[in-house]
């Protein structure tokens, strides 16, 4: 029971981490320290996608699921949980690279907006 709960909790943390990687730059509008946490997380997320790696959180979740008596899953977190929701037909390498590029572009745009807005506010 404990291991299944821990695996489910880790799943929620993993999903929150992915949301933070994709959209965390928006938080930099309100908190000046966010880029120091978000940028390494965004680089890690892009690296995992671009290098076709399995995130350690997926490995830990699978380990907890095995300890709970569940089968776990053989694919990545994205393949197992997000792919059926977002891309039911399947995740190709090209699509994976496209997603990583999209994450990088979203974050570059958000940070450009944040830093431009701060610089403009200081100039006033």
PDB file of N, CA and C in Angstrom:
ATOM      1  N   UNK A   1       0.820  -1.192   0.000  1.00  0.00           N
ATOM      2  CA  UNK A   1       0.000   0.000   0.000  1.00  0.00           C
ATOM      3  C   UNK A   1       0.869   1.262   0.000  1.00  0.00           C
ATOM      4  N   UNK A   2       1.903   1.285   0.864  1.00  0.00           N
ATOM      5  CA  UNK A   2       2.775   2.452   0.942  1.00  0.00           C
ATOM      6  C   UNK A   2       3.476   2.701  -0.390  1.00  0.00           C
ATOM      7  N   UNK A   3       3.977   1.626  -1.022  1.00  0.00           N
ATOM      8  CA  UNK A   3       4.740   1.786  -2.263  1.00  0.00           C
ATOM      9  C   UNK A   3       3.846   2.285  -3.392  1.00  0.00           C
ATOM     10  N   UNK A   4       2.610   1.822  -3.434  1.00  0.00           N
ATOM     11  CA  UNK A   4       1.686   2.297  -4.474  1.00  0.00           C
ATOM     12  C   UNK A   4       1.381   3.786  -4.251  1.00  0.00           C
ATOM     13  N   UNK A   5       1.155   4.175  -2.999  1.00  0.00           N
ATOM     14  CA  UNK A   5       0.922   5.584  -2.680  1.00  0.00           C
ATOM     15  C   UNK A   5       2.142   6.424  -3.050  1.00  0.00           C
ATOM     16  N   UNK A   6       3.340   5.932  -2.719  1.00  0.00           N
ATOM     17  CA  UNK A   6       4.572   6.665  -3.032  1.00  0.00           C
ATOM     18  C   UNK A   6       4.741   6.799  -4.545  1.00  0.00           C
ATOM     19  N   UNK A   7       4.426   5.739  -5.293  1.00  0.00           N
ATOM     20  CA  UNK A   7       4.528   5.798  -6.755  1.00  0.00           C
ATOM     21  C   UNK A   7       3.538   6.802  -7.325  1.00  0.00           C
ATOM     22  N   UNK A   8       2.330   6.825  -6.793  1.00  0.00           N
ATOM     23  CA  UNK A   8       1.330   7.793  -7.255  1.00  0.00           C
ATOM     24  C   UNK A   8       1.741   9.219  -6.910  1.00  0.00           C
ATOM     25  N   UNK A   9       2.297   9.407  -5.717  1.00  0.00           N
ATOM     26  CA  UNK A   9       2.773  10.739  -5.321  1.00  0.00           C
ATOM     27  C   UNK A   9       3.908  11.189  -6.235  1.00  0.00           C
ATOM     28  N   UNK A  10       4.811  10.284  -6.561  1.00  0.00           N
ATOM     29  CA  UNK A  10       5.918  10.606  -7.457  1.00  0.00           C
ATOM     30  C   UNK A  10       5.396  10.931  -8.854  1.00  0.00           C
ATOM     31  N   UNK A  11       4.345  10.258  -9.275  1.00  0.00           N
ATOM     32  CA  UNK A  11       3.715  10.555 -10.559  1.00  0.00           C
ATOM     33  C   UNK A  11       3.209  11.994 -10.587  1.00  0.00           C
ATOM     34  N   UNK A  12       2.594  12.441  -9.508  1.00  0.00           N
ATOM     35  CA  UNK A  12       2.093  13.813  -9.427  1.00  0.00           C
ATOM     36  C   UNK A  12       3.262  14.805  -9.433  1.00  0.00           C
ATOM     37  N   UNK A  13       4.321  14.481  -8.702  1.00  0.00           N
ATOM     38  CA  UNK A  13       5.514  15.332  -8.696  1.00  0.00           C
ATOM     39  C   UNK A  13       6.110  15.409 -10.101  1.00  0.00           C
ATOM     40  N   UNK A  14       6.151  14.280 -10.800  1.00  0.00           N
ATOM     41  CA  UNK A  14       6.701  14.229 -12.154  1.00  0.00           C
ATOM     42  C   UNK A  14       5.887  15.106 -13.101  1.00  0.00           C
ATOM     43  N   UNK A  15       4.578  15.011 -13.013  1.00  0.00           N
ATOM     44  CA  UNK A  15       3.720  15.835 -13.862  1.00  0.00           C
ATOM     45  C   UNK A  15       3.899  17.317 -13.537  1.00  0.00           C
ATOM     46  N   UNK A  16       4.013  17.646 -12.260  1.00  0.00           N
ATOM     47  CA  UNK A  16       4.241  19.041 -11.857  1.00  0.00           C
ATOM     48  C   UNK A  16       5.591  19.533 -12.376  1.00  0.00           C
ATOM     49  N   UNK A  17       6.606  18.672 -12.345  1.00  0.00           N
ATOM     50  CA  UNK A  17       7.921  19.044 -12.862  1.00  0.00           C
ATOM     51  C   UNK A  17       7.840  19.350 -14.354  1.00  0.00           C
ATOM     52  N   UNK A  18       7.128  18.513 -15.096  1.00  0.00           N
ATOM     53  CA  UNK A  18       6.982  18.740 -16.540  1.00  0.00           C
ATOM     54  C   UNK A  18       6.264  20.064 -16.794  1.00  0.00           C
ATOM     55  N   UNK A  19       5.205  20.338 -16.043  1.00  0.00           N
ATOM     56  CA  UNK A  19       4.494  21.607 -16.204  1.00  0.00           C
ATOM     57  C   UNK A  19       5.417  22.781 -15.872  1.00  0.00           C
ATOM     58  N   UNK A  20       6.245  22.625 -14.844  1.00  0.00           N
ATOM     59  CA  UNK A  20       7.192  23.672 -14.475  1.00  0.00           C
ATOM     60  C   UNK A  20       8.233  23.882 -15.571  1.00  0.00           C
ATOM     61  N   UNK A  21       8.706  22.798 -16.174  1.00  0.00           N
ATOM     62  CA  UNK A  21       9.686  22.898 -17.263  1.00  0.00           C
ATOM     63  C   UNK A  21       9.092  23.675 -18.431  1.00  0.00           C
ATOM     64  N   UNK A  22       7.861  23.377 -18.765  1.00  0.00           N
ATOM     65  CA  UNK A  22       7.247  23.998 -19.937  1.00  0.00           C
ATOM     66  C   UNK A  22       6.822  25.442 -19.667  1.00  0.00           C
ATOM     67  N   UNK A  23       6.244  25.694 -18.511  1.00  0.00           N
ATOM     68  CA  UNK A  23       5.638  27.004 -18.271  1.00  0.00           C
ATOM     69  C   UNK A  23       6.235  27.774 -17.096  1.00  0.00           C
ATOM     70  N   UNK A  24       7.290  27.263 -16.490  1.00  0.00           N
ATOM     71  CA  UNK A  24       7.856  27.891 -15.306  1.00  0.00           C
ATOM     72  C   UNK A  24       8.406  29.282 -15.524  1.00  0.00           C
ATOM     73  N   UNK A  25       8.759  29.603 -16.748  1.00  0.00           N
ATOM     74  CA  UNK A  25       9.266  30.945 -17.031  1.00  0.00           C
ATOM     75  C   UNK A  25       8.252  32.027 -16.713  1.00  0.00           C
ATOM     76  N   UNK A  26       6.972  31.697 -16.756  1.00  0.00           N
ATOM     77  CA  UNK A  26       5.931  32.672 -16.432  1.00  0.00           C
ATOM     78  C   UNK A  26       6.063  33.116 -14.974  1.00  0.00           C
ATOM     79  N   UNK A  27       6.504  32.202 -14.108  1.00  0.00           N
ATOM     80  CA  UNK A  27       6.655  32.551 -12.694  1.00  0.00           C
ATOM     81  C   UNK A  27       7.750  33.588 -12.476  1.00  0.00           C
ATOM     82  N   UNK A  28       8.658  33.711 -13.421  1.00  0.00           N
ATOM     83  CA  UNK A  28       9.735  34.695 -13.303  1.00  0.00           C
ATOM     84  C   UNK A  28       9.204  36.121 -13.354  1.00  0.00           C
ATOM     85  N   UNK A  29       7.997  36.291 -13.820  1.00  0.00           N
ATOM     86  CA  UNK A  29       7.371  37.614 -13.835  1.00  0.00           C
ATOM     87  C   UNK A  29       7.166  38.109 -12.404  1.00  0.00           C
ATOM     88  N   UNK A  30       6.811  37.199 -11.512  1.00  0.00           N
ATOM     89  CA  UNK A  30       6.487  37.572 -10.143  1.00  0.00           C
ATOM     90  C   UNK A  30       7.626  37.366  -9.164  1.00  0.00           C
ATOM     91  N   UNK A  31       8.517  36.449  -9.436  1.00  0.00           N
ATOM     92  CA  UNK A  31       9.600  36.134  -8.502  1.00  0.00           C
ATOM     93  C   UNK A  31      10.931  36.148  -9.239  1.00  0.00           C
ATOM     94  N   UNK A  32      11.839  36.969  -8.776  1.00  0.00           N
ATOM     95  CA  UNK A  32      13.129  37.129  -9.448  1.00  0.00           C
ATOM     96  C   UNK A  32      14.036  35.909  -9.292  1.00  0.00           C
ATOM     97  N   UNK A  33      13.816  35.059  -8.302  1.00  0.00           N
ATOM     98  CA  UNK A  33      14.670  33.893  -8.075  1.00  0.00           C
ATOM     99  C   UNK A  33      14.277  32.696  -8.932  1.00  0.00           C
ATOM    100  N   UNK A  34      13.101  32.724  -9.547  1.00  0.00           N
ATOM    101  CA  UNK A  34      12.602  31.570 -10.311  1.00  0.00           C
ATOM    102  C   UNK A  34      13.545  31.131 -11.429  1.00  0.00           C
ATOM    103  N   UNK A  35      14.162  32.037 -12.192  1.00  0.00           N
ATOM    104  CA  UNK A  35      15.055  31.574 -13.262  1.00  0.00           C
ATOM    105  C   UNK A  35      16.211  30.691 -12.760  1.00  0.00           C
ATOM    106  N   UNK A  36      16.651  30.923 -11.525  1.00  0.00           N
ATOM    107  CA  UNK A  36      17.750  30.113 -10.992  1.00  0.00           C
ATOM    108  C   UNK A  36      17.335  28.666 -10.750  1.00  0.00           C
ATOM    109  N   UNK A  37      16.060  28.432 -10.588  1.00  0.00           N
ATOM    110  CA  UNK A  37      15.530  27.078 -10.422  1.00  0.00           C
ATOM    111  C   UNK A  37      14.988  26.559 -11.751  1.00  0.00           C
ATOM    112  N   UNK A  38      14.296  27.425 -12.467  1.00  0.00           N
ATOM    113  CA  UNK A  38      13.624  26.986 -13.684  1.00  0.00           C
ATOM    114  C   UNK A  38      14.574  26.673 -14.837  1.00  0.00           C
ATOM    115  N   UNK A  39      15.566  27.522 -15.061  1.00  0.00           N
ATOM    116  CA  UNK A  39      16.451  27.290 -16.207  1.00  0.00           C
ATOM    117  C   UNK A  39      17.177  25.943 -16.136  1.00  0.00           C
ATOM    118  N   UNK A  40      17.743  25.543 -14.988  1.00  0.00           N
ATOM    119  CA  UNK A  40      18.330  24.191 -14.941  1.00  0.00           C
ATOM    120  C   UNK A  40      17.285  23.098 -15.185  1.00  0.00           C
ATOM    121  N   UNK A  41      16.079  23.288 -14.656  1.00  0.00           N
ATOM    122  CA  UNK A  41      15.022  22.300 -14.886  1.00  0.00           C
ATOM    123  C   UNK A  41      14.651  22.237 -16.366  1.00  0.00           C
ATOM    124  N   UNK A  42      14.563  23.388 -17.015  1.00  0.00           N
ATOM    125  CA  UNK A  42      14.228  23.429 -18.445  1.00  0.00           C
ATOM    126  C   UNK A  42      15.333  22.795 -19.286  1.00  0.00           C
ATOM    127  N   UNK A  43      16.588  23.068 -18.932  1.00  0.00           N
ATOM    128  CA  UNK A  43      17.688  22.437 -19.659  1.00  0.00           C
ATOM    129  C   UNK A  43      17.653  20.928 -19.480  1.00  0.00           C
ATOM    130  N   UNK A  44      17.368  20.477 -18.260  1.00  0.00           N
ATOM    131  CA  UNK A  44      17.284  19.033 -18.005  1.00  0.00           C
ATOM    132  C   UNK A  44      16.154  18.415 -18.826  1.00  0.00           C
ATOM    133  N   UNK A  45      14.991  19.047 -18.830  1.00  0.00           N
ATOM    134  CA  UNK A  45      13.866  18.520 -19.603  1.00  0.00           C
ATOM    135  C   UNK A  45      14.178  18.442 -21.089  1.00  0.00           C
ATOM    136  N   UNK A  46      14.802  19.477 -21.613  1.00  0.00           N
ATOM    137  CA  UNK A  46      15.179  19.458 -23.032  1.00  0.00           C
ATOM    138  C   UNK A  46      16.228  18.387 -23.303  1.00  0.00           C
ATOM    139  N   UNK A  47      17.193  18.242 -22.406  1.00  0.00           N
ATOM    140  CA  UNK A  47      18.238  17.225 -22.570  1.00  0.00           C
ATOM    141  C   UNK A  47      17.643  15.823 -22.596  1.00  0.00           C
ATOM    142  N   UNK A  48      16.735  15.549 -21.680  1.00  0.00           N
ATOM    143  CA  UNK A  48      16.121  14.213 -21.617  1.00  0.00           C
ATOM    144  C   UNK A  48      15.376  13.919 -22.913  1.00  0.00           C
ATOM    145  N   UNK A  49      14.652  14.909 -23.426  1.00  0.00           N
ATOM    146  CA  UNK A  49      13.912  14.694 -24.669  1.00  0.00           C
ATOM    147  C   UNK A  49      14.842  14.601 -25.882  1.00  0.00           C
ATOM    148  N   UNK A  50      15.809  15.507 -25.969  1.00  0.00           N
ATOM    149  CA  UNK A  50      16.688  15.534 -27.133  1.00  0.00           C
ATOM    150  C   UNK A  50      17.617  14.331 -27.198  1.00  0.00           C
ATOM    151  N   UNK A  51      18.032  13.837 -26.029  1.00  0.00           N
ATOM    152  CA  UNK A  51      18.952  12.704 -25.996  1.00  0.00           C
ATOM    153  C   UNK A  51      18.223  11.371 -25.875  1.00  0.00           C
ATOM    154  N   UNK A  52      16.887  11.415 -25.913  1.00  0.00           N
ATOM    155  CA  UNK A  52      16.061  10.202 -25.866  1.00  0.00           C
ATOM    156  C   UNK A  52      16.357   9.373 -24.617  1.00  0.00           C
ATOM    157  N   UNK A  53      16.480  10.043 -23.496  1.00  0.00           N
ATOM    158  CA  UNK A  53      16.757   9.370 -22.222  1.00  0.00           C
ATOM    159  C   UNK A  53      15.464   9.124 -21.460  1.00  0.00           C
ATOM    160  N   UNK A  54      15.571   8.281 -20.462  1.00  0.00           N
ATOM    161  CA  UNK A  54      14.463   8.064 -19.539  1.00  0.00           C
ATOM    162  C   UNK A  54      14.769   8.862 -18.278  1.00  0.00           C
ATOM    163  N   UNK A  55      13.829   9.666 -17.858  1.00  0.00           N
ATOM    164  CA  UNK A  55      14.003  10.496 -16.672  1.00  0.00           C
ATOM    165  C   UNK A  55      14.152   9.616 -15.428  1.00  0.00           C
ATOM    166  N   UNK A  56      15.031   9.985 -14.508  1.00  0.00           N
ATOM    167  CA  UNK A  56      15.173   9.210 -13.269  1.00  0.00           C
ATOM    168  C   UNK A  56      13.872   9.087 -12.479  1.00  0.00           C
ATOM    169  N   UNK A  57      13.001  10.076 -12.574  1.00  0.00           N
ATOM    170  CA  UNK A  57      11.717   9.974 -11.872  1.00  0.00           C
ATOM    171  C   UNK A  57      10.902   8.791 -12.400  1.00  0.00           C
ATOM    172  N   UNK A  58      10.994   8.517 -13.693  1.00  0.00           N
ATOM    173  CA  UNK A  58      10.310   7.364 -14.272  1.00  0.00           C
ATOM    174  C   UNK A  58      10.881   6.071 -13.708  1.00  0.00           C
ATOM    175  N   UNK A  59      12.188   6.012 -13.606  1.00  0.00           N
ATOM    176  CA  UNK A  59      12.843   4.814 -13.063  1.00  0.00           C
ATOM    177  C   UNK A  59      12.430   4.604 -11.608  1.00  0.00           C
ATOM    178  N   UNK A  60      12.420   5.675 -10.827  1.00  0.00           N
ATOM    179  CA  UNK A  60      12.033   5.569  -9.414  1.00  0.00           C
ATOM    180  C   UNK A  60      10.562   5.155  -9.284  1.00  0.00           C
ATOM    181  N   UNK A  61       9.716   5.740 -10.124  1.00  0.00           N
ATOM    182  CA  UNK A  61       8.301   5.373 -10.065  1.00  0.00           C
ATOM    183  C   UNK A  61       8.116   3.902 -10.401  1.00  0.00           C
ATOM    184  N   UNK A  62       8.791   3.435 -11.440  1.00  0.00           N
ATOM    185  CA  UNK A  62       8.695   2.017 -11.801  1.00  0.00           C
ATOM    186  C   UNK A  62       9.181   1.126 -10.664  1.00  0.00           C
ATOM    187  N   UNK A  63      10.274   1.526 -10.009  1.00  0.00           N
ATOM    188  CA  UNK A  63      10.777   0.744  -8.882  1.00  0.00           C
ATOM    189  C   UNK A  63       9.757   0.651  -7.759  1.00  0.00           C
ATOM    190  N   UNK A  64       9.115   1.767  -7.459  1.00  0.00           N
ATOM    191  CA  UNK A  64       8.078   1.767  -6.429  1.00  0.00           C
ATOM    192  C   UNK A  64       6.880   0.915  -6.841  1.00  0.00           C
ATOM    193  N   UNK A  65       6.520   0.969  -8.104  1.00  0.00           N
ATOM    194  CA  UNK A  65       5.395   0.155  -8.585  1.00  0.00           C
ATOM    195  C   UNK A  65       5.735  -1.339  -8.492  1.00  0.00           C
ATOM    196  N   UNK A  66       6.960  -1.700  -8.803  1.00  0.00           N
ATOM    197  CA  UNK A  66       7.381  -3.104  -8.666  1.00  0.00           C
ATOM    198  C   UNK A  66       7.322  -3.539  -7.204  1.00  0.00           C
ATOM    199  N   UNK A  67       7.778  -2.665  -6.295  1.00  0.00           N
ATOM    200  CA  UNK A  67       7.711  -2.984  -4.865  1.00  0.00           C
ATOM    201  C   UNK A  67       6.268  -3.123  -4.385  1.00  0.00           C
ATOM    202  N   UNK A  68       5.348  -2.420  -5.036  1.00  0.00           N
ATOM    203  CA  UNK A  68       3.930  -2.503  -4.685  1.00  0.00           C
ATOM    204  C   UNK A  68       3.264  -3.726  -5.302  1.00  0.00           C
ATOM    205  N   UNK A  69       4.008  -4.452  -6.146  1.00  0.00           N
ATOM    206  CA  UNK A  69       3.437  -5.624  -6.793  1.00  0.00           C
ATOM    207  C   UNK A  69       2.836  -5.341  -8.157  1.00  0.00           C
ATOM    208  N   UNK A  70       2.986  -4.119  -8.639  1.00  0.00           N
ATOM    209  CA  UNK A  70       2.494  -3.751  -9.967  1.00  0.00           C
ATOM    210  C   UNK A  70       3.583  -4.033 -10.997  1.00  0.00           C
ATOM    211  N   UNK A  71       3.204  -3.986 -12.247  1.00  0.00           N
ATOM    212  CA  UNK A  71       4.151  -4.287 -13.318  1.00  0.00           C
ATOM    213  C   UNK A  71       5.042  -3.107 -13.667  1.00  0.00           C
ATOM    214  N   UNK A  72       4.631  -1.900 -13.341  1.00  0.00           N
ATOM    215  CA  UNK A  72       5.387  -0.744 -13.811  1.00  0.00           C
ATOM    216  C   UNK A  72       5.154  -0.569 -15.299  1.00  0.00           C
ATOM    217  N   UNK A  73       6.035   0.138 -15.979  1.00  0.00           N
ATOM    218  CA  UNK A  73       5.912   0.287 -17.423  1.00  0.00           C
ATOM    219  C   UNK A  73       7.294   0.367 -18.043  1.00  0.00           C
ATOM    220  N   UNK A  74       7.381  -0.072 -19.273  1.00  0.00           N
ATOM    221  CA  UNK A  74       8.678  -0.196 -19.944  1.00  0.00           C
ATOM    222  C   UNK A  74       9.096   1.063 -20.688  1.00  0.00           C
ATOM    223  N   UNK A  75       8.178   1.975 -20.892  1.00  0.00           N
ATOM    224  CA  UNK A  75       8.484   3.175 -21.666  1.00  0.00           C
ATOM    225  C   UNK A  75       8.715   4.354 -20.735  1.00  0.00           C
ATOM    226  N   UNK A  76       8.906   5.520 -21.306  1.00  0.00           N
ATOM    227  CA  UNK A  76       9.126   6.720 -20.508  1.00  0.00           C
ATOM    228  C   UNK A  76       7.802   7.237 -19.942  1.00  0.00           C
ATOM    229  N   UNK A  77       7.905   8.180 -19.030  1.00  0.00           N
ATOM    230  CA  UNK A  77       6.738   8.832 -18.444  1.00  0.00           C
ATOM    231  C   UNK A  77       5.875   9.448 -19.549  1.00  0.00           C
ATOM    232  N   UNK A  78       6.510  10.155 -20.455  1.00  0.00           N
ATOM    233  CA  UNK A  78       5.784  10.803 -21.553  1.00  0.00           C
ATOM    234  C   UNK A  78       5.062   9.758 -22.393  1.00  0.00           C
ATOM    235  N   UNK A  79       5.766   8.688 -22.755  1.00  0.00           N
ATOM    236  CA  UNK A  79       5.152   7.635 -23.561  1.00  0.00           C
ATOM    237  C   UNK A  79       3.977   6.981 -22.840  1.00  0.00           C
ATOM    238  N   UNK A  80       4.146   6.736 -21.552  1.00  0.00           N
ATOM    239  CA  UNK A  80       3.138   5.981 -20.809  1.00  0.00           C
ATOM    240  C   UNK A  80       1.922   6.814 -20.414  1.00  0.00           C
ATOM    241  N   UNK A  81       2.134   8.037 -19.916  1.00  0.00           N
ATOM    242  CA  UNK A  81       1.032   8.828 -19.392  1.00  0.00           C
ATOM    243  C   UNK A  81       0.545   9.925 -20.326  1.00  0.00           C
ATOM    244  N   UNK A  82       1.462  10.645 -20.932  1.00  0.00           N
ATOM    245  CA  UNK A  82       1.059  11.800 -21.729  1.00  0.00           C
ATOM    246  C   UNK A  82       0.759  11.457 -23.182  1.00  0.00           C
ATOM    247  N   UNK A  83       1.493  10.517 -23.733  1.00  0.00           N
ATOM    248  CA  UNK A  83       1.296  10.163 -25.133  1.00  0.00           C
ATOM    249  C   UNK A  83      -0.130   9.730 -25.446  1.00  0.00           C
ATOM    250  N   UNK A  84      -0.730   8.847 -24.647  1.00  0.00           N
ATOM    251  CA  UNK A  84      -2.110   8.459 -24.973  1.00  0.00           C
ATOM    252  C   UNK A  84      -3.100   9.621 -24.922  1.00  0.00           C
ATOM    253  N   UNK A  85      -2.794  10.630 -24.137  1.00  0.00           N
ATOM    254  CA  UNK A  85      -3.693  11.779 -24.024  1.00  0.00           C
ATOM    255  C   UNK A  85      -3.445  12.776 -25.154  1.00  0.00           C
ATOM    256  N   UNK A  86      -2.177  13.070 -25.400  1.00  0.00           N
ATOM    257  CA  UNK A  86      -1.839  14.122 -26.361  1.00  0.00           C
ATOM    258  C   UNK A  86      -1.680  13.587 -27.782  1.00  0.00           C
ATOM    259  N   UNK A  87      -0.986  12.465 -27.917  1.00  0.00           N
ATOM    260  CA  UNK A  87      -0.689  11.906 -29.243  1.00  0.00           C
ATOM    261  C   UNK A  87      -1.053  10.423 -29.285  1.00  0.00           C
ATOM    262  N   UNK A  88      -2.316  10.100 -29.430  1.00  0.00           N
ATOM    263  CA  UNK A  88      -2.732   8.703 -29.381  1.00  0.00           C
ATOM    264  C   UNK A  88      -2.093   7.817 -30.446  1.00  0.00           C
ATOM    265  N   UNK A  89      -1.656   8.375 -31.556  1.00  0.00           N
ATOM    266  CA  UNK A  89      -1.102   7.551 -32.628  1.00  0.00           C
ATOM    267  C   UNK A  89       0.321   7.077 -32.334  1.00  0.00           C
ATOM    268  N   UNK A  90       1.071   7.730 -31.489  1.00  0.00           N
ATOM    269  CA  UNK A  90       2.432   7.307 -31.167  1.00  0.00           C
ATOM    270  C   UNK A  90       3.415   8.460 -31.234  1.00  0.00           C
ATOM    271  N   UNK A  91       4.462   8.308 -30.471  1.00  0.00           N
ATOM    272  CA  UNK A  91       5.488   9.339 -30.394  1.00  0.00           C
ATOM    273  C   UNK A  91       6.691   8.910 -31.220  1.00  0.00           C
ATOM    274  N   UNK A  92       6.967   9.660 -32.272  1.00  0.00           N
ATOM    275  CA  UNK A  92       8.133   9.369 -33.105  1.00  0.00           C
ATOM    276  C   UNK A  92       9.302  10.204 -32.616  1.00  0.00           C
ATOM    277  N   UNK A  93      10.487   9.868 -33.064  1.00  0.00           N
ATOM    278  CA  UNK A  93      11.685  10.629 -32.684  1.00  0.00           C
ATOM    279  C   UNK A  93      11.577  12.074 -33.168  1.00  0.00           C
ATOM    280  N   UNK A  94      11.063  12.259 -34.371  1.00  0.00           N
ATOM    281  CA  UNK A  94      10.892  13.604 -34.901  1.00  0.00           C
ATOM    282  C   UNK A  94       9.924  14.432 -34.069  1.00  0.00           C
ATOM    283  N   UNK A  95       8.848  13.812 -33.628  1.00  0.00           N
ATOM    284  CA  UNK A  95       7.884  14.499 -32.785  1.00  0.00           C
ATOM    285  C   UNK A  95       8.497  14.832 -31.431  1.00  0.00           C
ATOM    286  N   UNK A  96       9.299  13.933 -30.906  1.00  0.00           N
ATOM    287  CA  UNK A  96       9.983  14.173 -29.639  1.00  0.00           C
ATOM    288  C   UNK A  96      10.922  15.379 -29.765  1.00  0.00           C
ATOM    289  N   UNK A  97      11.663  15.442 -30.855  1.00  0.00           N
ATOM    290  CA  UNK A  97      12.546  16.585 -31.086  1.00  0.00           C
ATOM    291  C   UNK A  97      11.742  17.871 -31.250  1.00  0.00           C
ATOM    292  N   UNK A  98      10.609  17.763 -31.915  1.00  0.00           N
ATOM    293  CA  UNK A  98       9.738  18.920 -32.076  1.00  0.00           C
ATOM    294  C   UNK A  98       9.200  19.421 -30.751  1.00  0.00           C
ATOM    295  N   UNK A  99       8.827  18.509 -29.859  1.00  0.00           N
ATOM    296  CA  UNK A  99       8.345  18.895 -28.536  1.00  0.00           C
ATOM    297  C   UNK A  99       9.441  19.587 -27.734  1.00  0.00           C
ATOM    298  N   UNK A 100      10.640  19.030 -27.799  1.00  0.00           N
ATOM    299  CA  UNK A 100      11.764  19.646 -27.081  1.00  0.00           C
ATOM    300  C   UNK A 100      12.032  21.050 -27.621  1.00  0.00           C
ATOM    301  N   UNK A 101      11.980  21.211 -28.924  1.00  0.00           N
ATOM    302  CA  UNK A 101      12.187  22.518 -29.542  1.00  0.00           C
ATOM    303  C   UNK A 101      11.090  23.491 -29.113  1.00  0.00           C
ATOM    304  N   UNK A 102       9.859  23.006 -29.055  1.00  0.00           N
ATOM    305  CA  UNK A 102       8.744  23.846 -28.629  1.00  0.00           C
ATOM    306  C   UNK A 102       8.933  24.320 -27.192  1.00  0.00           C
ATOM    307  N   UNK A 103       9.379  23.427 -26.318  1.00  0.00           N
ATOM    308  CA  UNK A 103       9.626  23.798 -24.919  1.00  0.00           C
ATOM    309  C   UNK A 103      10.693  24.884 -24.846  1.00  0.00           C
ATOM    310  N   UNK A 104      11.765  24.713 -25.616  1.00  0.00           N
ATOM    311  CA  UNK A 104      12.838  25.704 -25.609  1.00  0.00           C
ATOM    312  C   UNK A 104      12.330  27.041 -26.141  1.00  0.00           C
ATOM    313  N   UNK A 105      11.594  27.035 -27.229  1.00  0.00           N
ATOM    314  CA  UNK A 105      11.088  28.280 -27.810  1.00  0.00           C
ATOM    315  C   UNK A 105      10.108  28.992 -26.879  1.00  0.00           C
ATOM    316  N   UNK A 106       9.224  28.236 -26.227  1.00  0.00           N
ATOM    317  CA  UNK A 106       8.285  28.832 -25.279  1.00  0.00           C
ATOM    318  C   UNK A 106       9.053  29.528 -24.165  1.00  0.00           C
ATOM    319  N   UNK A 107      10.070  28.857 -23.648  1.00  0.00           N
ATOM    320  CA  UNK A 107      10.828  29.430 -22.542  1.00  0.00           C
ATOM    321  C   UNK A 107      11.670  30.617 -22.972  1.00  0.00           C
ATOM    322  N   UNK A 108      12.265  30.577 -24.143  1.00  0.00           N
ATOM    323  CA  UNK A 108      13.026  31.726 -24.642  1.00  0.00           C
ATOM    324  C   UNK A 108      12.093  32.924 -24.795  1.00  0.00           C
ATOM    325  N   UNK A 109      10.908  32.691 -25.332  1.00  0.00           N
ATOM    326  CA  UNK A 109       9.947  33.782 -25.497  1.00  0.00           C
ATOM    327  C   UNK A 109       9.511  34.344 -24.145  1.00  0.00           C
ATOM    328  N   UNK A 110       9.246  33.471 -23.176  1.00  0.00           N
ATOM    329  CA  UNK A 110       8.823  33.942 -21.854  1.00  0.00           C
ATOM    330  C   UNK A 110       9.915  34.751 -21.177  1.00  0.00           C
ATOM    331  N   UNK A 111      11.150  34.262 -21.237  1.00  0.00           N
ATOM    332  CA  UNK A 111      12.235  34.988 -20.587  1.00  0.00           C
ATOM    333  C   UNK A 111      12.560  36.290 -21.306  1.00  0.00           C
ATOM    334  N   UNK A 112      12.444  36.324 -22.605  1.00  0.00           N
ATOM    335  CA  UNK A 112      12.653  37.575 -23.328  1.00  0.00           C
ATOM    336  C   UNK A 112      11.614  38.599 -22.888  1.00  0.00           C
ATOM    337  N   UNK A 113      10.379  38.161 -22.736  1.00  0.00           N
ATOM    338  CA  UNK A 113       9.309  39.041 -22.292  1.00  0.00           C
ATOM    339  C   UNK A 113       9.562  39.518 -20.863  1.00  0.00           C
ATOM    340  N   UNK A 114       9.964  38.591 -19.984  1.00  0.00           N
ATOM    341  CA  UNK A 114      10.221  38.940 -18.587  1.00  0.00           C
ATOM    342  C   UNK A 114      11.363  39.947 -18.488  1.00  0.00           C
ATOM    343  N   UNK A 115      12.480  39.659 -19.128  1.00  0.00           N
ATOM    344  CA  UNK A 115      13.641  40.536 -19.005  1.00  0.00           C
ATOM    345  C   UNK A 115      13.440  41.858 -19.731  1.00  0.00           C
ATOM    346  N   UNK A 116      12.746  41.842 -20.855  1.00  0.00           N
ATOM    347  CA  UNK A 116      12.441  43.098 -21.537  1.00  0.00           C
ATOM    348  C   UNK A 116      11.522  43.957 -20.674  1.00  0.00           C
ATOM    349  N   UNK A 117      10.528  43.332 -20.059  1.00  0.00           N
ATOM    350  CA  UNK A 117       9.601  44.056 -19.190  1.00  0.00           C
ATOM    351  C   UNK A 117      10.294  44.638 -17.976  1.00  0.00           C
ATOM    352  N   UNK A 118      11.237  43.904 -17.395  1.00  0.00           N
ATOM    353  CA  UNK A 118      11.970  44.410 -16.239  1.00  0.00           C
ATOM    354  C   UNK A 118      12.875  45.573 -16.628  1.00  0.00           C
ATOM    355  N   UNK A 119      13.530  45.433 -17.763  1.00  0.00           N
ATOM    356  CA  UNK A 119      14.421  46.493 -18.227  1.00  0.00           C
ATOM    357  C   UNK A 119      13.618  47.754 -18.549  1.00  0.00           C
ATOM    358  N   UNK A 120      12.451  47.587 -19.174  1.00  0.00           N
ATOM    359  CA  UNK A 120      11.600  48.736 -19.497  1.00  0.00           C
ATOM    360  C   UNK A 120      11.084  49.390 -18.224  1.00  0.00           C
ATOM    361  N   UNK A 121      10.771  48.587 -17.217  1.00  0.00           N
ATOM    362  CA  UNK A 121      10.274  49.145 -15.948  1.00  0.00           C
ATOM    363  C   UNK A 121      11.365  49.919 -15.235  1.00  0.00           C
ATOM    364  N   UNK A 122      12.599  49.440 -15.298  1.00  0.00           N
ATOM    365  CA  UNK A 122      13.718  50.156 -14.662  1.00  0.00           C
ATOM    366  C   UNK A 122      14.037  51.442 -15.397  1.00  0.00           C
ATOM    367  N   UNK A 123      13.819  51.462 -16.716  1.00  0.00           N
ATOM    368  CA  UNK A 123      14.109  52.650 -17.508  1.00  0.00           C
ATOM    369  C   UNK A 123      13.120  53.782 -17.190  1.00  0.00           C
ATOM    370  N   UNK A 124      11.918  53.412 -16.743  1.00  0.00           N
ATOM    371  CA  UNK A 124      10.908  54.430 -16.433  1.00  0.00           C
ATOM    372  C   UNK A 124      11.258  55.029 -15.145  1.00  0.00           C
TER     373      UNK A 124
END
